[in-house]
């Protein structure tokens, strides 16, 4: 399928690896020129060069922590007009209610709610003026089914979801869409770290926990960053102009909901 976005320009946050990289690769395969961002210059340059060699698109790189106000300002000042924005940032660490204080919640909100809101507020006016734009926020399945040990993430991403619900409908008339992608368990560094943390607390091997997790998913496997990226690319396509303010699960059927 021709996604109709060849030649468009996309900023993909935290895209040196994992789900962000999956989105960047899928967009590049559709002919989209990229601005890739990550904290690690080594990982970012490796992934960017691989995409250039594979797809032949233009790729700019910006090494910065997107969740830092000062470093995010660097991106906003350096990167002007874009057609597509994919927001993404690693989630806060797991724990229980006893572990978290006010500062922990502030940091979670800064990273997983206020950062994407800041990016949207900066880039939406230009998209609206040009009459076309796509925004995809990578959130979590925990928005629909909160995970007990991810209270910080649950809270912050739920706040972003509420913001998108209203904002997406306010800007839709201009040809700009905003949607959220809710990943379940994918074979990324994030899930490896969560399994490692659970392993240490429960005294069970990481491999046994992984098998247990896979067995709990109707698809009986973890997702891949590649298939996640393809869903993201479709939401950024010309075909997705009537999808507004949705929270789309990509979780192998793990969350059993109809709404």
C-alpha atoms as a PDB file:
ATOM      1  CA  UNK A   1       0.000   0.000   0.000  1.00  0.00           C
ATOM      2  CA  UNK A   2       1.241   3.471  -0.894  1.00  0.00           C
ATOM      3  CA  UNK A   3       0.935   5.488   2.319  1.00  0.00           C
ATOM      4  CA  UNK A   4       1.011   8.752   0.380  1.00  0.00           C
ATOM      5  CA  UNK A   5       3.574  10.432   2.619  1.00  0.00           C
ATOM      6  CA  UNK A   6       6.752  10.199   0.539  1.00  0.00           C
ATOM      7  CA  UNK A   7       8.702  13.419   0.884  1.00  0.00           C
ATOM      8  CA  UNK A   8       7.056  14.386   4.186  1.00  0.00           C
ATOM      9  CA  UNK A   9       9.242  15.321   7.145  1.00  0.00           C
ATOM     10  CA  UNK A  10       8.952  13.554  10.501  1.00  0.00           C
ATOM     11  CA  UNK A  11      10.438  14.085  13.946  1.00  0.00           C
ATOM     12  CA  UNK A  12      10.624  10.741  15.743  1.00  0.00           C
ATOM     13  CA  UNK A  13      11.641  11.001  19.394  1.00  0.00           C
ATOM     14  CA  UNK A  14      13.776   8.400  21.174  1.00  0.00           C
ATOM     15  CA  UNK A  15      14.301   6.628  17.855  1.00  0.00           C
ATOM     16  CA  UNK A  16      17.746   5.071  18.128  1.00  0.00           C
ATOM     17  CA  UNK A  17      16.253   1.716  19.151  1.00  0.00           C
ATOM     18  CA  UNK A  18      13.102  -0.024  20.301  1.00  0.00           C
ATOM     19  CA  UNK A  19       9.631   1.154  19.349  1.00  0.00           C
ATOM     20  CA  UNK A  20      10.843   4.589  18.262  1.00  0.00           C
ATOM     21  CA  UNK A  21      13.271   2.982  15.840  1.00  0.00           C
ATOM     22  CA  UNK A  22      10.495   0.780  14.515  1.00  0.00           C
ATOM     23  CA  UNK A  23       8.435   3.879  13.733  1.00  0.00           C
ATOM     24  CA  UNK A  24      11.404   5.620  12.104  1.00  0.00           C
ATOM     25  CA  UNK A  25      12.178   2.632   9.877  1.00  0.00           C
ATOM     26  CA  UNK A  26       8.560   2.203   8.794  1.00  0.00           C
ATOM     27  CA  UNK A  27       8.251   5.891   7.936  1.00  0.00           C
ATOM     28  CA  UNK A  28      11.544   5.794   6.030  1.00  0.00           C
ATOM     29  CA  UNK A  29      10.304   2.792   4.032  1.00  0.00           C
ATOM     30  CA  UNK A  30       7.361   4.985   2.992  1.00  0.00           C
ATOM     31  CA  UNK A  31       9.751   7.686   1.749  1.00  0.00           C
ATOM     32  CA  UNK A  32       9.530  10.021   4.730  1.00  0.00           C
ATOM     33  CA  UNK A  33      12.594  12.146   5.558  1.00  0.00           C
ATOM     34  CA  UNK A  34      13.496  11.888   9.229  1.00  0.00           C
ATOM     35  CA  UNK A  35      14.737  13.858  12.167  1.00  0.00           C
ATOM     36  CA  UNK A  36      15.846  11.211  14.642  1.00  0.00           C
ATOM     37  CA  UNK A  37      16.459  11.973  18.294  1.00  0.00           C
ATOM     38  CA  UNK A  38      18.057  10.058  21.163  1.00  0.00           C
ATOM     39  CA  UNK A  39      20.317  10.564  24.163  1.00  0.00           C
ATOM     40  CA  UNK A  40      23.043   8.205  22.963  1.00  0.00           C
ATOM     41  CA  UNK A  41      25.009   9.577  20.025  1.00  0.00           C
ATOM     42  CA  UNK A  42      26.561   6.193  19.250  1.00  0.00           C
ATOM     43  CA  UNK A  43      23.239   4.346  19.028  1.00  0.00           C
ATOM     44  CA  UNK A  44      21.601   7.215  17.168  1.00  0.00           C
ATOM     45  CA  UNK A  45      24.276   7.477  14.494  1.00  0.00           C
ATOM     46  CA  UNK A  46      24.330   3.726  13.973  1.00  0.00           C
ATOM     47  CA  UNK A  47      20.562   3.562  13.450  1.00  0.00           C
ATOM     48  CA  UNK A  48      20.461   6.710  11.313  1.00  0.00           C
ATOM     49  CA  UNK A  49      23.210   5.484   8.987  1.00  0.00           C
ATOM     50  CA  UNK A  50      21.508   2.108   8.635  1.00  0.00           C
ATOM     51  CA  UNK A  51      18.245   3.799   7.633  1.00  0.00           C
ATOM     52  CA  UNK A  52      20.035   6.026   5.105  1.00  0.00           C
ATOM     53  CA  UNK A  53      21.779   3.025   3.562  1.00  0.00           C
ATOM     54  CA  UNK A  54      18.591   0.950   3.460  1.00  0.00           C
ATOM     55  CA  UNK A  55      15.959   3.468   2.366  1.00  0.00           C
ATOM     56  CA  UNK A  56      17.872   6.375   0.853  1.00  0.00           C
ATOM     57  CA  UNK A  57      15.906   9.060   2.688  1.00  0.00           C
ATOM     58  CA  UNK A  58      17.297  12.203   4.292  1.00  0.00           C
ATOM     59  CA  UNK A  59      18.042  11.793   8.002  1.00  0.00           C
ATOM     60  CA  UNK A  60      18.975  14.520  10.471  1.00  0.00           C
ATOM     61  CA  UNK A  61      20.043  13.588  13.989  1.00  0.00           C
ATOM     62  CA  UNK A  62      19.670  15.513  17.226  1.00  0.00           C
ATOM     63  CA  UNK A  63      21.364  14.159  20.342  1.00  0.00           C
ATOM     64  CA  UNK A  64      19.318  15.354  23.295  1.00  0.00           C
ATOM     65  CA  UNK A  65      17.206  14.176  26.208  1.00  0.00           C
ATOM     66  CA  UNK A  66      13.745  15.046  24.937  1.00  0.00           C
ATOM     67  CA  UNK A  67      12.389  15.091  28.505  1.00  0.00           C
ATOM     68  CA  UNK A  68      14.788  17.855  29.612  1.00  0.00           C
ATOM     69  CA  UNK A  69      13.440  21.396  29.205  1.00  0.00           C
ATOM     70  CA  UNK A  70      16.824  22.796  28.193  1.00  0.00           C
ATOM     71  CA  UNK A  71      17.707  20.008  25.780  1.00  0.00           C
ATOM     72  CA  UNK A  72      14.207  19.952  24.298  1.00  0.00           C
ATOM     73  CA  UNK A  73      14.597  23.655  23.560  1.00  0.00           C
ATOM     74  CA  UNK A  74      17.587  22.735  21.405  1.00  0.00           C
ATOM     75  CA  UNK A  75      15.371  20.511  19.300  1.00  0.00           C
ATOM     76  CA  UNK A  76      12.598  23.082  19.052  1.00  0.00           C
ATOM     77  CA  UNK A  77      15.028  25.802  17.970  1.00  0.00           C
ATOM     78  CA  UNK A  78      16.861  23.568  15.511  1.00  0.00           C
ATOM     79  CA  UNK A  79      13.925  21.744  13.938  1.00  0.00           C
ATOM     80  CA  UNK A  80      11.354  24.053  12.420  1.00  0.00           C
ATOM     81  CA  UNK A  81       8.541  22.794  10.186  1.00  0.00           C
ATOM     82  CA  UNK A  82       7.610  19.137  10.317  1.00  0.00           C
ATOM     83  CA  UNK A  83       4.652  17.210   8.917  1.00  0.00           C
ATOM     84  CA  UNK A  84       4.726  14.248  11.296  1.00  0.00           C
ATOM     85  CA  UNK A  85       5.504  14.078  15.010  1.00  0.00           C
ATOM     86  CA  UNK A  86       6.023  10.814  16.879  1.00  0.00           C
ATOM     87  CA  UNK A  87       6.475  11.380  20.601  1.00  0.00           C
ATOM     88  CA  UNK A  88       8.167   8.733  22.683  1.00  0.00           C
ATOM     89  CA  UNK A  89      10.031   8.532  25.976  1.00  0.00           C
ATOM     90  CA  UNK A  90      10.992   5.688  28.266  1.00  0.00           C
ATOM     91  CA  UNK A  91       8.673   5.062  31.169  1.00  0.00           C
ATOM     92  CA  UNK A  92       9.555   5.535  34.842  1.00  0.00           C
ATOM     93  CA  UNK A  93      10.768   2.569  36.913  1.00  0.00           C
ATOM     94  CA  UNK A  94       8.354   0.082  38.467  1.00  0.00           C
ATOM     95  CA  UNK A  95       7.577  -0.029  42.153  1.00  0.00           C
ATOM     96  CA  UNK A  96       4.736   0.160  44.675  1.00  0.00           C
ATOM     97  CA  UNK A  97       2.852   3.015  46.281  1.00  0.00           C
ATOM     98  CA  UNK A  98       5.322   3.005  49.175  1.00  0.00           C
ATOM     99  CA  UNK A  99       8.238   3.727  46.841  1.00  0.00           C
ATOM    100  CA  UNK A 100       6.907   6.913  45.235  1.00  0.00           C
ATOM    101  CA  UNK A 101       6.947  10.464  46.540  1.00  0.00           C
ATOM    102  CA  UNK A 102       5.858  13.754  45.030  1.00  0.00           C
ATOM    103  CA  UNK A 103       9.150  14.238  43.198  1.00  0.00           C
ATOM    104  CA  UNK A 104       8.797  10.849  41.511  1.00  0.00           C
ATOM    105  CA  UNK A 105       5.377  11.816  40.179  1.00  0.00           C
ATOM    106  CA  UNK A 106       6.647  15.201  38.994  1.00  0.00           C
ATOM    107  CA  UNK A 107       9.454  13.517  37.045  1.00  0.00           C
ATOM    108  CA  UNK A 108       7.014  11.018  35.526  1.00  0.00           C
ATOM    109  CA  UNK A 109       4.631  13.778  34.484  1.00  0.00           C
ATOM    110  CA  UNK A 110       7.469  15.786  32.966  1.00  0.00           C
ATOM    111  CA  UNK A 111       8.677  12.858  30.884  1.00  0.00           C
ATOM    112  CA  UNK A 112       5.490  11.114  29.820  1.00  0.00           C
ATOM    113  CA  UNK A 113       2.859  13.856  29.823  1.00  0.00           C
ATOM    114  CA  UNK A 114       4.286  17.368  29.716  1.00  0.00           C
ATOM    115  CA  UNK A 115       7.057  16.608  27.194  1.00  0.00           C
ATOM    116  CA  UNK A 116       4.696  15.374  24.449  1.00  0.00           C
ATOM    117  CA  UNK A 117       2.285  18.199  25.232  1.00  0.00           C
ATOM    118  CA  UNK A 118       5.126  20.712  24.848  1.00  0.00           C
ATOM    119  CA  UNK A 119       6.093  19.220  21.485  1.00  0.00           C
ATOM    120  CA  UNK A 120       2.510  19.264  20.249  1.00  0.00           C
ATOM    121  CA  UNK A 121       1.948  22.866  21.313  1.00  0.00           C
ATOM    122  CA  UNK A 122       5.084  23.855  19.411  1.00  0.00           C
ATOM    123  CA  UNK A 123       4.426  22.008  16.153  1.00  0.00           C
ATOM    124  CA  UNK A 124       0.629  21.946  15.859  1.00  0.00           C
ATOM    125  CA  UNK A 125       0.230  25.586  14.725  1.00  0.00           C
ATOM    126  CA  UNK A 126       2.480  25.034  11.695  1.00  0.00           C
ATOM    127  CA  UNK A 127       0.716  21.818  10.760  1.00  0.00           C
ATOM    128  CA  UNK A 128      -2.665  23.522  11.025  1.00  0.00           C
ATOM    129  CA  UNK A 129      -1.538  26.473   8.941  1.00  0.00           C
ATOM    130  CA  UNK A 130      -0.342  24.124   6.177  1.00  0.00           C
ATOM    131  CA  UNK A 131      -3.548  22.079   6.393  1.00  0.00           C
ATOM    132  CA  UNK A 132      -1.962  18.696   7.064  1.00  0.00           C
ATOM    133  CA  UNK A 133      -0.247  16.952   9.941  1.00  0.00           C
ATOM    134  CA  UNK A 134       0.012  13.722  11.870  1.00  0.00           C
ATOM    135  CA  UNK A 135       0.860  13.220  15.537  1.00  0.00           C
ATOM    136  CA  UNK A 136       1.300   9.800  17.121  1.00  0.00           C
ATOM    137  CA  UNK A 137       2.049   9.511  20.834  1.00  0.00           C
ATOM    138  CA  UNK A 138       3.514   6.231  22.038  1.00  0.00           C
ATOM    139  CA  UNK A 139       1.908   5.611  25.425  1.00  0.00           C
ATOM    140  CA  UNK A 140       1.120   2.203  26.971  1.00  0.00           C
ATOM    141  CA  UNK A 141      -1.499  -0.509  27.320  1.00  0.00           C
ATOM    142  CA  UNK A 142      -1.627   0.593  30.969  1.00  0.00           C
ATOM    143  CA  UNK A 143      -3.818   3.494  29.852  1.00  0.00           C
ATOM    144  CA  UNK A 144      -6.640   0.990  29.322  1.00  0.00           C
ATOM    145  CA  UNK A 145      -5.589  -1.582  31.907  1.00  0.00           C
ATOM    146  CA  UNK A 146      -3.388  -0.069  34.650  1.00  0.00           C
ATOM    147  CA  UNK A 147      -0.475  -2.218  35.779  1.00  0.00           C
ATOM    148  CA  UNK A 148      -0.075  -2.300  39.554  1.00  0.00           C
ATOM    149  CA  UNK A 149       3.715  -1.882  39.591  1.00  0.00           C
ATOM    150  CA  UNK A 150       3.688   0.932  37.027  1.00  0.00           C
ATOM    151  CA  UNK A 151       1.732   3.519  38.979  1.00  0.00           C
ATOM    152  CA  UNK A 152       3.952   6.390  37.835  1.00  0.00           C
ATOM    153  CA  UNK A 153       3.550   5.453  34.191  1.00  0.00           C
ATOM    154  CA  UNK A 154      -0.179   4.767  34.577  1.00  0.00           C
ATOM    155  CA  UNK A 155      -0.737   8.235  36.008  1.00  0.00           C
ATOM    156  CA  UNK A 156       1.360  10.240  33.558  1.00  0.00           C
ATOM    157  CA  UNK A 157       0.174   8.489  30.406  1.00  0.00           C
ATOM    158  CA  UNK A 158      -3.455   8.695  31.493  1.00  0.00           C
ATOM    159  CA  UNK A 159      -2.996  12.461  31.808  1.00  0.00           C
ATOM    160  CA  UNK A 160      -1.609  12.667  28.272  1.00  0.00           C
ATOM    161  CA  UNK A 161      -4.528  10.570  27.027  1.00  0.00           C
ATOM    162  CA  UNK A 162      -6.986  13.049  28.495  1.00  0.00           C
ATOM    163  CA  UNK A 163      -5.176  15.960  26.871  1.00  0.00           C
ATOM    164  CA  UNK A 164      -5.174  14.271  23.468  1.00  0.00           C
ATOM    165  CA  UNK A 165      -8.880  13.437  23.739  1.00  0.00           C
ATOM    166  CA  UNK A 166      -9.756  17.115  23.733  1.00  0.00           C
ATOM    167  CA  UNK A 167      -6.962  18.597  21.634  1.00  0.00           C
ATOM    168  CA  UNK A 168      -7.289  16.093  18.782  1.00  0.00           C
ATOM    169  CA  UNK A 169     -10.921  17.038  18.280  1.00  0.00           C
ATOM    170  CA  UNK A 170     -10.168  20.743  18.420  1.00  0.00           C
ATOM    171  CA  UNK A 171      -7.582  20.597  15.612  1.00  0.00           C
ATOM    172  CA  UNK A 172      -9.155  17.901  13.400  1.00  0.00           C
ATOM    173  CA  UNK A 173     -10.925  20.444  11.152  1.00  0.00           C
ATOM    174  CA  UNK A 174      -7.534  21.652   9.900  1.00  0.00           C
ATOM    175  CA  UNK A 175      -6.418  18.300   8.503  1.00  0.00           C
ATOM    176  CA  UNK A 176      -4.273  17.431  11.517  1.00  0.00           C
ATOM    177  CA  UNK A 177      -4.794  14.147  13.350  1.00  0.00           C
ATOM    178  CA  UNK A 178      -3.557  13.154  16.806  1.00  0.00           C
ATOM    179  CA  UNK A 179      -3.727   9.562  18.027  1.00  0.00           C
ATOM    180  CA  UNK A 180      -2.080   7.398  20.655  1.00  0.00           C
ATOM    181  CA  UNK A 181      -0.462   3.994  20.157  1.00  0.00           C
ATOM    182  CA  UNK A 182      -0.611   1.735  23.200  1.00  0.00           C
ATOM    183  CA  UNK A 183       2.110  -0.929  23.116  1.00  0.00           C
ATOM    184  CA  UNK A 184       1.819  -4.071  25.147  1.00  0.00           C
ATOM    185  CA  UNK A 185       4.805  -6.305  25.759  1.00  0.00           C
ATOM    186  CA  UNK A 186       7.358  -6.002  22.968  1.00  0.00           C
ATOM    187  CA  UNK A 187      10.853  -7.436  22.733  1.00  0.00           C
ATOM    188  CA  UNK A 188      12.619  -4.190  23.632  1.00  0.00           C
ATOM    189  CA  UNK A 189      15.027  -3.008  26.322  1.00  0.00           C
ATOM    190  CA  UNK A 190      12.051  -1.765  28.351  1.00  0.00           C
ATOM    191  CA  UNK A 191      10.551  -5.226  28.765  1.00  0.00           C
ATOM    192  CA  UNK A 192      13.994  -6.702  29.455  1.00  0.00           C
ATOM    193  CA  UNK A 193      14.486  -4.242  32.308  1.00  0.00           C
ATOM    194  CA  UNK A 194      11.020  -4.903  33.737  1.00  0.00           C
ATOM    195  CA  UNK A 195      11.595  -8.655  33.627  1.00  0.00           C
ATOM    196  CA  UNK A 196      14.993  -8.226  35.283  1.00  0.00           C
ATOM    197  CA  UNK A 197      13.454  -6.134  38.073  1.00  0.00           C
ATOM    198  CA  UNK A 198      10.702  -8.707  38.645  1.00  0.00           C
ATOM    199  CA  UNK A 199      13.258 -11.515  38.576  1.00  0.00           C
ATOM    200  CA  UNK A 200      15.279  -9.938  41.361  1.00  0.00           C
ATOM    201  CA  UNK A 201      12.225  -9.313  43.529  1.00  0.00           C
ATOM    202  CA  UNK A 202      10.592 -12.713  42.990  1.00  0.00           C
ATOM    203  CA  UNK A 203      13.696 -14.899  42.876  1.00  0.00           C
ATOM    204  CA  UNK A 204      12.617 -16.340  39.531  1.00  0.00           C
ATOM    205  CA  UNK A 205      14.749 -16.474  36.393  1.00  0.00           C
ATOM    206  CA  UNK A 206      14.225 -13.902  33.671  1.00  0.00           C
ATOM    207  CA  UNK A 207      13.658 -16.681  31.134  1.00  0.00           C
ATOM    208  CA  UNK A 208      10.899 -18.252  33.232  1.00  0.00           C
ATOM    209  CA  UNK A 209       9.217 -14.869  33.654  1.00  0.00           C
ATOM    210  CA  UNK A 210       9.443 -14.238  29.923  1.00  0.00           C
ATOM    211  CA  UNK A 211       7.795 -17.596  29.169  1.00  0.00           C
ATOM    212  CA  UNK A 212       5.091 -16.831  31.708  1.00  0.00           C
ATOM    213  CA  UNK A 213       4.493 -13.430  30.112  1.00  0.00           C
ATOM    214  CA  UNK A 214       4.308 -14.871  26.606  1.00  0.00           C
ATOM    215  CA  UNK A 215       1.848 -17.535  27.777  1.00  0.00           C
ATOM    216  CA  UNK A 216      -0.445 -14.805  29.165  1.00  0.00           C
ATOM    217  CA  UNK A 217      -0.695 -13.075  25.774  1.00  0.00           C
ATOM    218  CA  UNK A 218      -3.300 -14.512  23.368  1.00  0.00           C
ATOM    219  CA  UNK A 219      -0.766 -14.243  20.512  1.00  0.00           C
ATOM    220  CA  UNK A 220       1.624 -16.331  22.669  1.00  0.00           C
ATOM    221  CA  UNK A 221       4.630 -14.156  21.925  1.00  0.00           C
ATOM    222  CA  UNK A 222       6.111 -10.722  22.474  1.00  0.00           C
ATOM    223  CA  UNK A 223       5.556  -8.073  19.829  1.00  0.00           C
ATOM    224  CA  UNK A 224       8.311  -6.830  17.543  1.00  0.00           C
ATOM    225  CA  UNK A 225       9.377  -3.244  17.093  1.00  0.00           C
ATOM    226  CA  UNK A 226       8.971  -3.683  13.330  1.00  0.00           C
ATOM    227  CA  UNK A 227       5.268  -4.535  13.385  1.00  0.00           C
ATOM    228  CA  UNK A 228       4.632  -1.770  15.894  1.00  0.00           C
ATOM    229  CA  UNK A 229       6.333   0.694  13.549  1.00  0.00           C
ATOM    230  CA  UNK A 230       4.124  -0.337  10.634  1.00  0.00           C
ATOM    231  CA  UNK A 231       1.006   0.537  12.643  1.00  0.00           C
ATOM    232  CA  UNK A 232       2.553   3.897  13.481  1.00  0.00           C
ATOM    233  CA  UNK A 233       3.341   4.576   9.821  1.00  0.00           C
ATOM    234  CA  UNK A 234      -0.249   3.834   8.815  1.00  0.00           C
ATOM    235  CA  UNK A 235      -1.557   6.327  11.387  1.00  0.00           C
ATOM    236  CA  UNK A 236       0.763   8.877   9.785  1.00  0.00           C
ATOM    237  CA  UNK A 237      -0.478   8.089   6.277  1.00  0.00           C
ATOM    238  CA  UNK A 238      -2.908   9.851   3.970  1.00  0.00           C
ATOM    239  CA  UNK A 239      -5.367   7.034   4.661  1.00  0.00           C
ATOM    240  CA  UNK A 240      -5.691   7.843   8.379  1.00  0.00           C
ATOM    241  CA  UNK A 241      -7.251  11.296   8.091  1.00  0.00           C
ATOM    242  CA  UNK A 242     -10.531  10.160   9.653  1.00  0.00           C
ATOM    243  CA  UNK A 243      -8.934   8.524  12.707  1.00  0.00           C
ATOM    244  CA  UNK A 244      -9.095  11.154  15.430  1.00  0.00           C
ATOM    245  CA  UNK A 245      -8.163  10.954  19.111  1.00  0.00           C
ATOM    246  CA  UNK A 246      -8.017   7.173  19.309  1.00  0.00           C
ATOM    247  CA  UNK A 247      -6.081   4.925  21.672  1.00  0.00           C
ATOM    248  CA  UNK A 248      -5.003   1.939  19.616  1.00  0.00           C
ATOM    249  CA  UNK A 249      -3.734  -1.166  21.389  1.00  0.00           C
ATOM    250  CA  UNK A 250      -0.852  -3.098  19.844  1.00  0.00           C
ATOM    251  CA  UNK A 251      -0.602  -5.804  22.474  1.00  0.00           C
ATOM    252  CA  UNK A 252      -1.297  -9.220  20.990  1.00  0.00           C
ATOM    253  CA  UNK A 253      -4.746  -9.243  22.586  1.00  0.00           C
ATOM    254  CA  UNK A 254      -3.459  -8.944  26.144  1.00  0.00           C
ATOM    255  CA  UNK A 255      -5.995  -6.301  27.168  1.00  0.00           C
ATOM    256  CA  UNK A 256      -9.516  -7.653  26.731  1.00  0.00           C
ATOM    257  CA  UNK A 257     -11.669  -4.555  26.236  1.00  0.00           C
ATOM    258  CA  UNK A 258     -14.202  -3.479  23.641  1.00  0.00           C
ATOM    259  CA  UNK A 259     -13.943   0.288  24.176  1.00  0.00           C
END
